[in-house]
Amino acid sequence: MKSFFRVKTIVGKEFSEFLWSPMFFILTGVFSLIIGFLFYNYLILSKEITNLSVSYSVLRPIYGNMNLLLLFIVPLLTMNSFSEEISKKTIDLLFMSRVKDYELILGKIIATFLIVFLMISSSLIFPIILAFAGFTDWGVVLTSFLGILFCSLCYISVGVFASTLTKNNIVAAFVSIGILLSIVMLVFTANTSVNPLIQQMGLYLAPAYHFEYLSRGTLNNFGIVYFISFFLFFFSLTKFSLERRAC
């Protein structure tokens, strides 16, 4: 119970700092502007496509681009997670407090996740607009939005880990983007391989591959296992990195 309240306190602190930061409003504005522009263009283009439903011609591309955009936005949100603490040397005070490493990591991840959720929730206006024209495929909307949340959680875990490696927040952001792009490149590596086993392994290790299933309205067990495993892997790396700094 004490652990829960400590995590809750950290989440509240981090979340309020995000809301008072100009970075959040700038990124949210840029994100909304880009996604809104893409939605308008896909909607206009869909009028010329008669063999595809609105889900495939408008919503799936929108959520796909949203996922790609978050790959660059999330590292900007997480770059100060621990790098700022390291830079200001306040990380030592945290190590000496009663807060456990996992509580600190979890609190920062949850706070960033809530911010990302707040940022992308505006995209729900798109299917609502389409509903006035007769759109009813809400299953695709639900699984696609769930896929965005899963991918965001993975990106956040990578970003928080990268922020423990350096005291420079800009470097942390670039390291995070570099790691995420390297993982994305697994899809292209898999597609160019002639070995079926390497192809399947490369595809399975990429978040975009599992997001593709969710964007089709398919919720499967191996995708959920992948996202959980991805998150726990980088959560463990973050904890290990902090433990090394505490030594």
Protein backbone atom coordinates (compact mmCIF):
# COMPACT_ATOMS: atom_id res chain seq x y z
CA MET A 1 0.00 0.00 0.00
CA LYS A 2 2.85 2.40 0.83
CA SER A 3 4.41 1.61 -2.51
CA PHE A 4 1.15 2.53 -4.26
CA PHE A 5 1.00 5.93 -2.56
CA ARG A 6 4.66 6.64 -3.37
CA VAL A 7 4.06 5.84 -7.04
CA LYS A 8 0.89 7.95 -6.99
CA THR A 9 2.84 10.89 -5.54
CA ILE A 10 5.51 10.61 -8.23
CA VAL A 11 2.86 10.37 -10.96
CA GLY A 12 1.11 13.48 -9.62
CA LYS A 13 4.36 15.44 -9.46
CA GLU A 14 5.55 14.43 -12.92
CA PHE A 15 2.13 14.92 -14.51
CA SER A 16 1.76 18.44 -13.11
CA GLU A 17 5.25 19.33 -14.35
CA PHE A 18 4.28 18.16 -17.83
CA LEU A 19 1.13 20.29 -17.79
CA TRP A 20 3.09 23.37 -16.77
CA SER A 21 5.72 22.76 -19.45
CA PRO A 22 5.47 24.64 -22.79
CA MET A 23 6.90 21.52 -24.44
CA PHE A 24 3.64 19.63 -23.87
CA PHE A 25 1.49 22.30 -25.53
CA ILE A 26 3.91 22.74 -28.42
CA LEU A 27 4.10 19.00 -29.13
CA THR A 28 0.33 18.58 -28.73
CA GLY A 29 -0.27 21.47 -31.14
CA VAL A 30 2.15 20.08 -33.73
CA PHE A 31 0.73 16.58 -33.33
CA SER A 32 -2.89 17.74 -33.71
CA LEU A 33 -2.02 19.94 -36.70
CA ILE A 34 -0.25 17.14 -38.59
CA ILE A 35 -2.85 14.47 -37.81
CA GLY A 36 -5.73 16.84 -38.66
CA PHE A 37 -4.08 17.73 -41.98
CA LEU A 38 -3.57 14.03 -42.81
CA PHE A 39 -7.17 13.19 -41.88
CA TYR A 40 -8.49 15.88 -44.20
CA ASN A 41 -6.33 14.67 -47.08
CA TYR A 42 -7.15 10.99 -46.57
CA LEU A 43 -10.84 11.88 -46.40
CA ILE A 44 -10.67 13.78 -49.70
CA LEU A 45 -8.66 10.97 -51.28
CA SER A 46 -11.12 8.32 -50.07
CA LYS A 47 -13.79 9.80 -52.33
CA GLU A 48 -11.75 8.61 -55.32
CA ILE A 49 -11.38 5.08 -53.88
CA THR A 50 -14.48 2.97 -54.21
CA ASN A 51 -13.17 -0.52 -53.44
CA LEU A 52 -12.02 0.18 -49.86
CA SER A 53 -14.03 0.99 -46.74
CA VAL A 54 -13.48 4.17 -44.74
CA SER A 55 -11.67 2.12 -42.09
CA TYR A 56 -9.01 1.06 -44.61
CA SER A 57 -8.80 4.24 -46.66
CA VAL A 58 -8.90 6.80 -43.82
CA LEU A 59 -8.60 5.47 -40.26
CA ARG A 60 -5.88 2.83 -40.73
CA PRO A 61 -3.52 5.25 -42.52
CA ILE A 62 -4.25 7.90 -39.88
CA TYR A 63 -3.40 5.61 -36.98
CA GLY A 64 -0.36 4.29 -38.83
CA ASN A 65 1.00 7.81 -39.30
CA MET A 66 0.11 8.61 -35.71
CA ASN A 67 2.20 5.66 -34.55
CA LEU A 68 5.15 6.85 -36.65
CA LEU A 69 4.80 10.42 -35.38
CA LEU A 70 4.78 9.29 -31.74
CA LEU A 71 8.07 7.50 -32.35
CA PHE A 72 9.66 10.97 -32.55
CA ILE A 73 7.41 12.83 -30.10
CA VAL A 74 7.64 10.42 -27.15
CA PRO A 75 11.47 10.70 -26.85
CA LEU A 76 11.02 14.48 -26.51
CA LEU A 77 8.61 13.88 -23.62
CA THR A 78 10.87 11.37 -21.85
CA MET A 79 14.24 13.04 -22.41
CA ASN A 80 14.11 14.83 -19.04
CA SER A 81 12.91 11.82 -17.03
CA PHE A 82 16.26 11.05 -15.39
CA SER A 83 18.78 13.12 -17.36
CA GLU A 84 17.58 16.28 -15.59
CA GLU A 85 17.93 14.57 -12.20
CA ILE A 86 21.45 13.45 -13.14
CA SER A 87 22.37 16.91 -14.45
CA LYS A 88 21.16 18.67 -11.28
CA LYS A 89 22.69 15.91 -9.10
CA THR A 90 19.34 15.40 -7.36
CA ILE A 91 19.41 11.73 -8.37
CA ASP A 92 21.53 10.99 -5.28
CA LEU A 93 18.80 12.41 -3.04
CA LEU A 94 16.30 10.06 -4.66
CA PHE A 95 18.61 7.10 -4.06
CA MET A 96 18.83 8.02 -0.37
CA SER A 97 15.06 8.41 0.02
CA ARG A 98 12.57 5.67 0.81
CA VAL A 99 11.45 5.55 -2.81
CA LYS A 100 12.48 2.31 -4.50
CA ASP A 101 13.97 2.33 -7.98
CA TYR A 102 11.02 0.53 -9.53
CA GLU A 103 8.57 2.98 -7.91
CA LEU A 104 10.46 5.92 -9.35
CA ILE A 105 10.61 4.38 -12.83
CA LEU A 106 6.97 3.32 -12.74
CA GLY A 107 5.83 6.76 -11.59
CA LYS A 108 7.64 8.53 -14.41
CA ILE A 109 6.40 6.04 -17.02
CA ILE A 110 2.76 6.28 -15.89
CA ALA A 111 2.88 10.09 -15.84
CA THR A 112 4.28 10.20 -19.39
CA PHE A 113 1.74 7.61 -20.51
CA LEU A 114 -1.11 9.76 -19.19
CA ILE A 115 0.29 12.76 -21.05
CA VAL A 116 0.51 10.79 -24.30
CA PHE A 117 -3.04 9.51 -23.75
CA LEU A 118 -4.20 13.10 -23.27
CA MET A 119 -2.37 14.13 -26.42
CA ILE A 120 -3.77 11.41 -28.71
CA SER A 121 -7.30 11.42 -27.27
CA SER A 122 -8.12 14.33 -29.59
CA SER A 123 -7.86 11.88 -32.50
CA LEU A 124 -11.11 10.24 -31.36
CA ILE A 125 -12.92 13.14 -33.00
CA PHE A 126 -12.12 11.60 -36.41
CA PRO A 127 -14.30 8.47 -36.11
CA ILE A 128 -16.99 10.62 -34.49
CA ILE A 129 -16.98 12.86 -37.56
CA LEU A 130 -17.15 9.80 -39.80
CA ALA A 131 -20.04 8.43 -37.73
CA PHE A 132 -22.23 11.27 -39.02
CA ALA A 133 -21.65 9.82 -42.49
CA GLY A 134 -22.69 6.32 -41.43
CA PHE A 135 -19.42 4.88 -40.13
CA THR A 136 -20.05 1.98 -37.71
CA ASP A 137 -16.80 -0.03 -37.58
CA TRP A 138 -15.96 0.89 -33.98
CA GLY A 139 -14.05 -2.35 -33.42
CA VAL A 140 -11.24 -1.13 -35.70
CA VAL A 141 -11.20 2.21 -33.86
CA LEU A 142 -10.93 0.48 -30.49
CA THR A 143 -8.13 -1.94 -31.47
CA SER A 144 -6.23 0.74 -33.41
CA PHE A 145 -6.37 3.14 -30.46
CA LEU A 146 -5.32 0.29 -28.17
CA GLY A 147 -2.41 -0.42 -30.51
CA ILE A 148 -1.34 3.21 -30.33
CA LEU A 149 -1.39 3.03 -26.53
CA PHE A 150 0.63 -0.20 -26.49
CA CYS A 151 3.22 1.22 -28.87
CA SER A 152 3.38 4.46 -26.87
CA LEU A 153 4.08 2.50 -23.71
CA CYS A 154 6.94 0.72 -25.49
CA TYR A 155 8.35 4.02 -26.77
CA ILE A 156 8.10 5.53 -23.28
CA SER A 157 10.00 2.60 -21.73
CA VAL A 158 12.80 3.10 -24.28
CA GLY A 159 12.85 6.87 -23.71
CA VAL A 160 13.02 6.57 -19.92
CA PHE A 161 15.86 4.05 -20.25
CA ALA A 162 17.78 6.37 -22.60
CA SER A 163 17.41 9.23 -20.10
CA THR A 164 19.33 7.21 -17.48
CA LEU A 165 22.37 6.95 -19.76
CA THR A 166 23.29 10.63 -19.94
CA LYS A 167 22.85 13.94 -18.16
CA ASN A 168 22.17 15.74 -21.45
CA ASN A 169 18.48 15.63 -22.32
CA ILE A 170 19.07 16.28 -26.04
CA VAL A 171 21.46 13.34 -26.21
CA ALA A 172 18.89 11.23 -24.36
CA ALA A 173 16.25 12.11 -26.96
CA PHE A 174 18.55 11.18 -29.86
CA VAL A 175 19.59 7.93 -28.19
CA SER A 176 15.95 7.03 -27.67
CA ILE A 177 15.05 7.83 -31.29
CA GLY A 178 18.10 5.88 -32.46
CA ILE A 179 17.05 2.78 -30.51
CA LEU A 180 13.47 2.99 -31.76
CA LEU A 181 14.52 3.50 -35.39
CA SER A 182 16.89 0.55 -35.10
CA ILE A 183 13.98 -1.61 -33.94
CA VAL A 184 11.81 -0.29 -36.79
CA MET A 185 14.57 -1.19 -39.26
CA LEU A 186 14.10 -4.82 -38.26
CA VAL A 187 11.03 -4.89 -40.50
CA PHE A 188 13.03 -3.79 -43.53
CA THR A 189 15.84 -6.22 -42.67
CA ALA A 190 13.33 -9.04 -42.37
CA ASN A 191 11.71 -8.18 -45.69
CA THR A 192 15.04 -8.29 -47.54
CA SER A 193 16.07 -11.63 -46.04
CA VAL A 194 15.55 -14.86 -47.98
CA ASN A 195 15.51 -16.90 -44.78
CA PRO A 196 11.89 -17.39 -43.59
CA LEU A 197 13.02 -17.79 -39.96
CA ILE A 198 14.91 -14.47 -39.99
CA GLN A 199 11.93 -12.83 -41.65
CA GLN A 200 9.55 -13.97 -38.92
CA MET A 201 11.98 -13.07 -36.13
CA GLY A 202 12.62 -9.60 -37.54
CA LEU A 203 8.93 -8.92 -37.99
CA TYR A 204 8.00 -10.20 -34.54
CA LEU A 205 10.56 -7.94 -32.83
CA ALA A 206 9.14 -4.78 -34.43
CA PRO A 207 6.23 -2.96 -32.70
CA ALA A 208 4.84 -1.87 -36.09
CA TYR A 209 4.23 -5.49 -37.05
CA HIS A 210 1.99 -6.08 -34.04
CA PHE A 211 0.34 -2.70 -34.44
CA GLU A 212 -0.61 -3.72 -37.99
CA TYR A 213 -2.69 -6.60 -36.63
CA LEU A 214 -4.48 -4.32 -34.16
CA SER A 215 -5.20 -1.73 -36.85
CA ARG A 216 -7.06 -4.44 -38.76
CA GLY A 217 -9.31 -5.05 -35.76
CA THR A 218 -7.48 -8.23 -34.70
CA LEU A 219 -6.54 -8.64 -31.04
CA ASN A 220 -4.29 -11.66 -30.53
CA ASN A 221 -2.40 -13.12 -27.59
CA PHE A 222 1.08 -13.10 -29.11
CA GLY A 223 0.82 -9.35 -29.77
CA ILE A 224 -0.12 -8.60 -26.16
CA VAL A 225 2.70 -10.86 -24.93
CA TYR A 226 5.12 -8.99 -27.19
CA PHE A 227 4.15 -5.52 -25.90
CA ILE A 228 4.34 -6.66 -22.27
CA SER A 229 7.71 -8.34 -22.85
CA PHE A 230 9.06 -5.26 -24.66
CA PHE A 231 8.00 -3.01 -21.80
CA LEU A 232 9.41 -5.30 -19.08
CA PHE A 233 12.71 -5.67 -20.94
CA PHE A 234 13.40 -1.93 -21.08
CA PHE A 235 11.94 -1.45 -17.59
CA SER A 236 14.57 -3.94 -16.34
CA LEU A 237 17.32 -2.17 -18.30
CA THR A 238 16.28 1.14 -16.72
CA LYS A 239 16.34 -0.36 -13.24
CA PHE A 240 19.76 -1.90 -13.89
CA SER A 241 21.10 1.42 -15.19
CA LEU A 242 19.88 3.25 -12.09
CA GLU A 243 21.35 0.60 -9.79
CA ARG A 244 24.73 1.08 -11.43
CA ARG A 245 24.54 4.83 -10.81
CA ALA A 246 23.63 4.22 -7.17
CA CYS A 247 26.77 2.13 -6.61
